[in-house]
Amino acid sequence: MPLLLLALLLGGAVLEIWVALQVADAIGALPVLALLVLSAGIGVRVLGRGTVRAWRRVADASRSGERVGRSVLDAGLVVVAGVLLLLPGLVSGVLGLLLLAPPVRAVLRPILGGLVVRRVALPFVVGAKGASWAAGRRPGAPVDLEGHATERRGPADPEGPVSGVVLPAPPEHRGPGAL
């Protein structure tokens, strides 16, 4: 996986340089430089204002009791668009601009939603190793997914975890003027 990520990063950098050189041959170096600066400026603006608006829509949907999945995916795609616009490169800038278009996000939303469910949500709920993810749990036994405390079986210790002996605090933890 790390080698794949490294190959993608290097391939992306090579692609960005190649496209920039091709476009610079066609329209000149100064217009390409202006496009790169303009793209970065738009990226800063999108990351500054666009993400705040997108996360505000998530909060509004949450407050009104609506499902927030669509809003969260849109907010995430707006953040990715801002980062792509901020990166120096014409290809990343075009991809960032495409992600800002609501129809493009509408096409990507079901694809990414399914990916998130399969890769993140489902393994989180079911566990990475299937239904018997909890150590020592037999398959089919009930699972406490809400995180409530469960009772321990066996004799309770009447004195609790401290057996009646209280030790003084170390000198560095005592208040000022304490002996």
C-alpha atoms as a PDB file:
ATOM      1  CA  MET A   1       0.000   0.000   0.000  1.00  0.00           C
ATOM      2  CA  PRO A   2       2.745   2.557   0.768  1.00  0.00           C
ATOM      3  CA  LEU A   3       4.404   1.772  -2.567  1.00  0.00           C
ATOM      4  CA  LEU A   4       1.112   2.287  -4.379  1.00  0.00           C
ATOM      5  CA  LEU A   5       0.658   5.637  -2.647  1.00  0.00           C
ATOM      6  CA  LEU A   6       4.218   6.662  -3.542  1.00  0.00           C
ATOM      7  CA  ALA A   7       3.675   5.619  -7.173  1.00  0.00           C
ATOM      8  CA  LEU A   8       0.433   7.637  -7.324  1.00  0.00           C
ATOM      9  CA  LEU A   9       2.122  10.715  -5.868  1.00  0.00           C
ATOM     10  CA  LEU A  10       5.073  10.506  -8.239  1.00  0.00           C
ATOM     11  CA  GLY A  11       2.816   9.763 -11.200  1.00  0.00           C
ATOM     12  CA  GLY A  12       0.603  12.718 -10.304  1.00  0.00           C
ATOM     13  CA  ALA A  13       3.595  15.038 -10.050  1.00  0.00           C
ATOM     14  CA  VAL A  14       4.950  13.870 -13.414  1.00  0.00           C
ATOM     15  CA  LEU A  15       1.504  14.314 -14.995  1.00  0.00           C
ATOM     16  CA  GLU A  16       1.138  17.830 -13.550  1.00  0.00           C
ATOM     17  CA  ILE A  17       4.562  18.878 -14.876  1.00  0.00           C
ATOM     18  CA  TRP A  18       3.922  17.354 -18.308  1.00  0.00           C
ATOM     19  CA  VAL A  19       0.516  19.057 -18.636  1.00  0.00           C
ATOM     20  CA  ALA A  20       1.941  22.391 -17.459  1.00  0.00           C
ATOM     21  CA  LEU A  21       4.713  22.183 -20.053  1.00  0.00           C
ATOM     22  CA  GLN A  22       2.264  21.274 -22.831  1.00  0.00           C
ATOM     23  CA  VAL A  23      -0.095  24.120 -21.930  1.00  0.00           C
ATOM     24  CA  ALA A  24       2.857  26.525 -21.583  1.00  0.00           C
ATOM     25  CA  ASP A  25       3.959  25.594 -25.122  1.00  0.00           C
ATOM     26  CA  ALA A  26       0.454  26.331 -26.381  1.00  0.00           C
ATOM     27  CA  ILE A  27      -0.400  29.583 -24.539  1.00  0.00           C
ATOM     28  CA  GLY A  28       2.880  30.721 -22.958  1.00  0.00           C
ATOM     29  CA  ALA A  29       4.529  30.480 -19.550  1.00  0.00           C
ATOM     30  CA  LEU A  30       3.032  33.653 -18.020  1.00  0.00           C
ATOM     31  CA  PRO A  31      -0.607  32.633 -18.571  1.00  0.00           C
ATOM     32  CA  VAL A  32       0.137  29.201 -17.066  1.00  0.00           C
ATOM     33  CA  LEU A  33       1.717  30.859 -14.036  1.00  0.00           C
ATOM     34  CA  ALA A  34      -1.331  33.149 -13.751  1.00  0.00           C
ATOM     35  CA  LEU A  35      -3.639  30.102 -13.905  1.00  0.00           C
ATOM     36  CA  LEU A  36      -1.682  28.403 -11.123  1.00  0.00           C
ATOM     37  CA  VAL A  37      -1.844  31.496  -8.898  1.00  0.00           C
ATOM     38  CA  LEU A  38      -5.557  31.974  -9.656  1.00  0.00           C
ATOM     39  CA  SER A  39      -6.224  28.308  -8.828  1.00  0.00           C
ATOM     40  CA  ALA A  40      -4.429  28.634  -5.499  1.00  0.00           C
ATOM     41  CA  GLY A  41      -6.416  31.788  -4.677  1.00  0.00           C
ATOM     42  CA  ILE A  42      -9.689  30.023  -5.438  1.00  0.00           C
ATOM     43  CA  GLY A  43      -8.526  27.094  -3.299  1.00  0.00           C
ATOM     44  CA  VAL A  44      -7.876  29.374  -0.343  1.00  0.00           C
ATOM     45  CA  ARG A  45     -11.308  30.932  -0.743  1.00  0.00           C
ATOM     46  CA  VAL A  46     -13.027  27.548  -1.011  1.00  0.00           C
ATOM     47  CA  LEU A  47     -11.223  26.224   2.053  1.00  0.00           C
ATOM     48  CA  GLY A  48     -12.020  29.397   3.963  1.00  0.00           C
ATOM     49  CA  ARG A  49     -15.644  30.057   3.123  1.00  0.00           C
ATOM     50  CA  GLY A  50     -16.900  27.057   1.208  1.00  0.00           C
ATOM     51  CA  THR A  51     -16.087  24.541   3.905  1.00  0.00           C
ATOM     52  CA  VAL A  52     -17.670  26.702   6.597  1.00  0.00           C
ATOM     53  CA  ARG A  53     -20.878  26.866   4.550  1.00  0.00           C
ATOM     54  CA  ALA A  54     -20.769  23.135   3.833  1.00  0.00           C
ATOM     55  CA  TRP A  55     -20.309  22.194   7.507  1.00  0.00           C
ATOM     56  CA  ARG A  56     -23.048  24.667   8.455  1.00  0.00           C
ATOM     57  CA  ARG A  57     -25.389  22.722   6.137  1.00  0.00           C
ATOM     58  CA  VAL A  58     -24.362  19.529   7.958  1.00  0.00           C
ATOM     59  CA  ALA A  59     -25.189  21.119  11.312  1.00  0.00           C
ATOM     60  CA  ASP A  60     -28.540  22.423  10.019  1.00  0.00           C
ATOM     61  CA  ALA A  61     -29.463  18.993   8.667  1.00  0.00           C
ATOM     62  CA  SER A  62     -28.504  17.421  11.973  1.00  0.00           C
ATOM     63  CA  ARG A  63     -30.551  19.910  13.996  1.00  0.00           C
ATOM     64  CA  SER A  64     -33.612  19.425  11.824  1.00  0.00           C
ATOM     65  CA  GLY A  65     -33.439  15.655  12.256  1.00  0.00           C
ATOM     66  CA  GLU A  66     -32.595  14.917   8.626  1.00  0.00           C
ATOM     67  CA  ARG A  67     -30.092  12.296   7.607  1.00  0.00           C
ATOM     68  CA  VAL A  68     -26.702  13.985   7.388  1.00  0.00           C
ATOM     69  CA  GLY A  69     -24.945  11.511   5.090  1.00  0.00           C
ATOM     70  CA  ARG A  70     -25.473  13.589   1.959  1.00  0.00           C
ATOM     71  CA  SER A  71     -24.406  16.807   3.672  1.00  0.00           C
ATOM     72  CA  VAL A  72     -21.298  15.197   5.146  1.00  0.00           C
ATOM     73  CA  LEU A  73     -20.244  13.791   1.768  1.00  0.00           C
ATOM     74  CA  ASP A  74     -20.832  17.166   0.109  1.00  0.00           C
ATOM     75  CA  ALA A  75     -18.798  18.934   2.800  1.00  0.00           C
ATOM     76  CA  GLY A  76     -15.986  16.406   2.411  1.00  0.00           C
ATOM     77  CA  LEU A  77     -15.984  16.831  -1.368  1.00  0.00           C
ATOM     78  CA  VAL A  78     -15.852  20.623  -0.996  1.00  0.00           C
ATOM     79  CA  VAL A  79     -12.815  20.266   1.291  1.00  0.00           C
ATOM     80  CA  VAL A  80     -11.140  17.938  -1.228  1.00  0.00           C
ATOM     81  CA  ALA A  81     -11.957  20.446  -4.003  1.00  0.00           C
ATOM     82  CA  GLY A  82     -10.323  23.243  -2.005  1.00  0.00           C
ATOM     83  CA  VAL A  83      -7.194  21.188  -1.387  1.00  0.00           C
ATOM     84  CA  LEU A  84      -6.967  20.208  -5.067  1.00  0.00           C
ATOM     85  CA  LEU A  85      -7.314  23.851  -6.100  1.00  0.00           C
ATOM     86  CA  LEU A  86      -4.647  24.865  -3.610  1.00  0.00           C
ATOM     87  CA  LEU A  87      -2.143  22.346  -4.942  1.00  0.00           C
ATOM     88  CA  PRO A  88       0.045  23.727  -7.716  1.00  0.00           C
ATOM     89  CA  GLY A  89      -1.027  22.077 -10.940  1.00  0.00           C
ATOM     90  CA  LEU A  90      -3.453  22.415 -13.796  1.00  0.00           C
ATOM     91  CA  VAL A  91      -4.865  18.887 -13.561  1.00  0.00           C
ATOM     92  CA  SER A  92      -5.529  19.175  -9.828  1.00  0.00           C
ATOM     93  CA  GLY A  93      -7.069  22.610 -10.413  1.00  0.00           C
ATOM     94  CA  VAL A  94      -9.461  21.263 -13.038  1.00  0.00           C
ATOM     95  CA  LEU A  95     -10.396  18.334 -10.774  1.00  0.00           C
ATOM     96  CA  GLY A  96     -10.994  20.776  -7.911  1.00  0.00           C
ATOM     97  CA  LEU A  97     -13.227  22.961 -10.058  1.00  0.00           C
ATOM     98  CA  LEU A  98     -15.174  19.893 -11.181  1.00  0.00           C
ATOM     99  CA  LEU A  99     -15.742  18.869  -7.556  1.00  0.00           C
ATOM    100  CA  LEU A 100     -17.235  22.276  -6.827  1.00  0.00           C
ATOM    101  CA  ALA A 101     -20.006  21.628  -9.354  1.00  0.00           C
ATOM    102  CA  PRO A 102     -23.102  20.170  -7.627  1.00  0.00           C
ATOM    103  CA  PRO A 103     -23.924  17.785 -10.523  1.00  0.00           C
ATOM    104  CA  VAL A 104     -20.463  16.218 -10.272  1.00  0.00           C
ATOM    105  CA  ARG A 105     -20.861  15.806  -6.519  1.00  0.00           C
ATOM    106  CA  ALA A 106     -24.301  14.277  -7.108  1.00  0.00           C
ATOM    107  CA  VAL A 107     -22.709  11.649  -9.370  1.00  0.00           C
ATOM    108  CA  LEU A 108     -19.871  10.931  -6.921  1.00  0.00           C
ATOM    109  CA  ARG A 109     -22.065  10.860  -3.807  1.00  0.00           C
ATOM    110  CA  PRO A 110     -23.532   7.332  -4.258  1.00  0.00           C
ATOM    111  CA  ILE A 111     -20.157   5.910  -5.260  1.00  0.00           C
ATOM    112  CA  LEU A 112     -18.368   7.402  -2.254  1.00  0.00           C
ATOM    113  CA  GLY A 113     -21.288   6.626   0.060  1.00  0.00           C
ATOM    114  CA  GLY A 114     -21.099   2.950  -0.856  1.00  0.00           C
ATOM    115  CA  LEU A 115     -17.326   2.978  -0.445  1.00  0.00           C
ATOM    116  CA  VAL A 116     -17.589   4.584   2.995  1.00  0.00           C
ATOM    117  CA  VAL A 117     -20.183   2.045   4.098  1.00  0.00           C
ATOM    118  CA  ARG A 118     -18.146  -0.923   2.865  1.00  0.00           C
ATOM    119  CA  ARG A 119     -14.728   0.292   4.002  1.00  0.00           C
ATOM    120  CA  VAL A 120     -15.461   2.269   7.182  1.00  0.00           C
ATOM    121  CA  ALA A 121     -18.937   1.905   8.657  1.00  0.00           C
ATOM    122  CA  LEU A 122     -19.570  -1.793   8.135  1.00  0.00           C
ATOM    123  CA  PRO A 123     -16.205  -2.998   9.507  1.00  0.00           C
ATOM    124  CA  PHE A 124     -16.635  -0.614  12.432  1.00  0.00           C
ATOM    125  CA  VAL A 125     -20.047  -2.026  13.353  1.00  0.00           C
ATOM    126  CA  VAL A 126     -19.478  -5.686  12.546  1.00  0.00           C
ATOM    127  CA  GLY A 127     -15.784  -5.749  13.332  1.00  0.00           C
ATOM    128  CA  ALA A 128     -12.802  -6.473  11.157  1.00  0.00           C
ATOM    129  CA  LYS A 129     -13.051 -10.232  11.611  1.00  0.00           C
ATOM    130  CA  GLY A 130     -16.776 -10.671  11.135  1.00  0.00           C
ATOM    131  CA  ALA A 131     -19.504 -11.257  13.703  1.00  0.00           C
ATOM    132  CA  SER A 132     -17.238 -12.724  16.377  1.00  0.00           C
ATOM    133  CA  TRP A 133     -15.004  -9.674  16.665  1.00  0.00           C
ATOM    134  CA  ALA A 134     -15.190  -9.352  20.455  1.00  0.00           C
ATOM    135  CA  ALA A 135     -12.578 -11.399  22.264  1.00  0.00           C
ATOM    136  CA  GLY A 136     -14.092 -14.301  24.136  1.00  0.00           C
ATOM    137  CA  ARG A 137     -17.544 -13.774  22.655  1.00  0.00           C
ATOM    138  CA  ARG A 138     -19.283 -16.728  21.134  1.00  0.00           C
ATOM    139  CA  PRO A 139     -20.967 -16.197  17.754  1.00  0.00           C
ATOM    140  CA  GLY A 140     -24.604 -15.243  18.127  1.00  0.00           C
ATOM    141  CA  ALA A 141     -24.191 -13.796  21.638  1.00  0.00           C
ATOM    142  CA  PRO A 142     -25.688 -10.316  22.166  1.00  0.00           C
ATOM    143  CA  VAL A 143     -23.387  -7.352  21.671  1.00  0.00           C
ATOM    144  CA  ASP A 144     -23.568  -4.079  23.600  1.00  0.00           C
ATOM    145  CA  LEU A 145     -23.061  -1.588  20.762  1.00  0.00           C
ATOM    146  CA  GLU A 146     -24.098   1.433  22.812  1.00  0.00           C
ATOM    147  CA  GLY A 147     -21.168   1.061  25.214  1.00  0.00           C
ATOM    148  CA  HIS A 148     -23.095   0.542  28.445  1.00  0.00           C
ATOM    149  CA  ALA A 149     -21.287  -0.881  31.440  1.00  0.00           C
ATOM    150  CA  THR A 150     -21.968  -4.526  32.081  1.00  0.00           C
ATOM    151  CA  GLU A 151     -22.114  -6.255  35.430  1.00  0.00           C
ATOM    152  CA  ARG A 152     -19.243  -8.440  36.500  1.00  0.00           C
ATOM    153  CA  ARG A 153     -20.124 -11.859  37.756  1.00  0.00           C
ATOM    154  CA  GLY A 154     -18.454 -13.044  40.931  1.00  0.00           C
ATOM    155  CA  PRO A 155     -17.981 -11.766  44.471  1.00  0.00           C
ATOM    156  CA  ALA A 156     -17.756  -8.026  44.871  1.00  0.00           C
ATOM    157  CA  ASP A 157     -14.890  -6.518  46.831  1.00  0.00           C
ATOM    158  CA  PRO A 158     -16.551  -4.743  49.784  1.00  0.00           C
ATOM    159  CA  GLU A 159     -13.638  -2.369  50.275  1.00  0.00           C
ATOM    160  CA  GLY A 160     -13.356  -1.398  46.615  1.00  0.00           C
ATOM    161  CA  PRO A 161     -10.114  -1.018  44.721  1.00  0.00           C
ATOM    162  CA  VAL A 162      -8.348   0.641  47.683  1.00  0.00           C
ATOM    163  CA  SER A 163      -8.115  -1.652  50.680  1.00  0.00           C
ATOM    164  CA  GLY A 164      -8.524   0.998  53.368  1.00  0.00           C
ATOM    165  CA  VAL A 165      -4.974   2.398  53.014  1.00  0.00           C
ATOM    166  CA  VAL A 166      -4.607   5.943  51.716  1.00  0.00           C
ATOM    167  CA  LEU A 167      -1.112   7.013  50.780  1.00  0.00           C
ATOM    168  CA  PRO A 168      -0.020  10.667  50.956  1.00  0.00           C
ATOM    169  CA  ALA A 169       0.495  12.521  47.676  1.00  0.00           C
ATOM    170  CA  PRO A 170       4.092  12.900  46.491  1.00  0.00           C
ATOM    171  CA  PRO A 171       5.692  16.282  47.315  1.00  0.00           C
ATOM    172  CA  GLU A 172       5.445  17.566  43.737  1.00  0.00           C
ATOM    173  CA  HIS A 173       1.652  17.047  43.791  1.00  0.00           C
ATOM    174  CA  ARG A 174       0.983  18.783  47.119  1.00  0.00           C
ATOM    175  CA  GLY A 175      -0.310  22.328  47.225  1.00  0.00           C
ATOM    176  CA  PRO A 176       1.836  25.313  48.225  1.00  0.00           C
ATOM    177  CA  GLY A 177       2.753  25.379  51.898  1.00  0.00           C
ATOM    178  CA  ALA A 178       1.892  21.691  52.449  1.00  0.00           C
ATOM    179  CA  LEU A 179       4.319  19.532  54.360  1.00  0.00           C
END
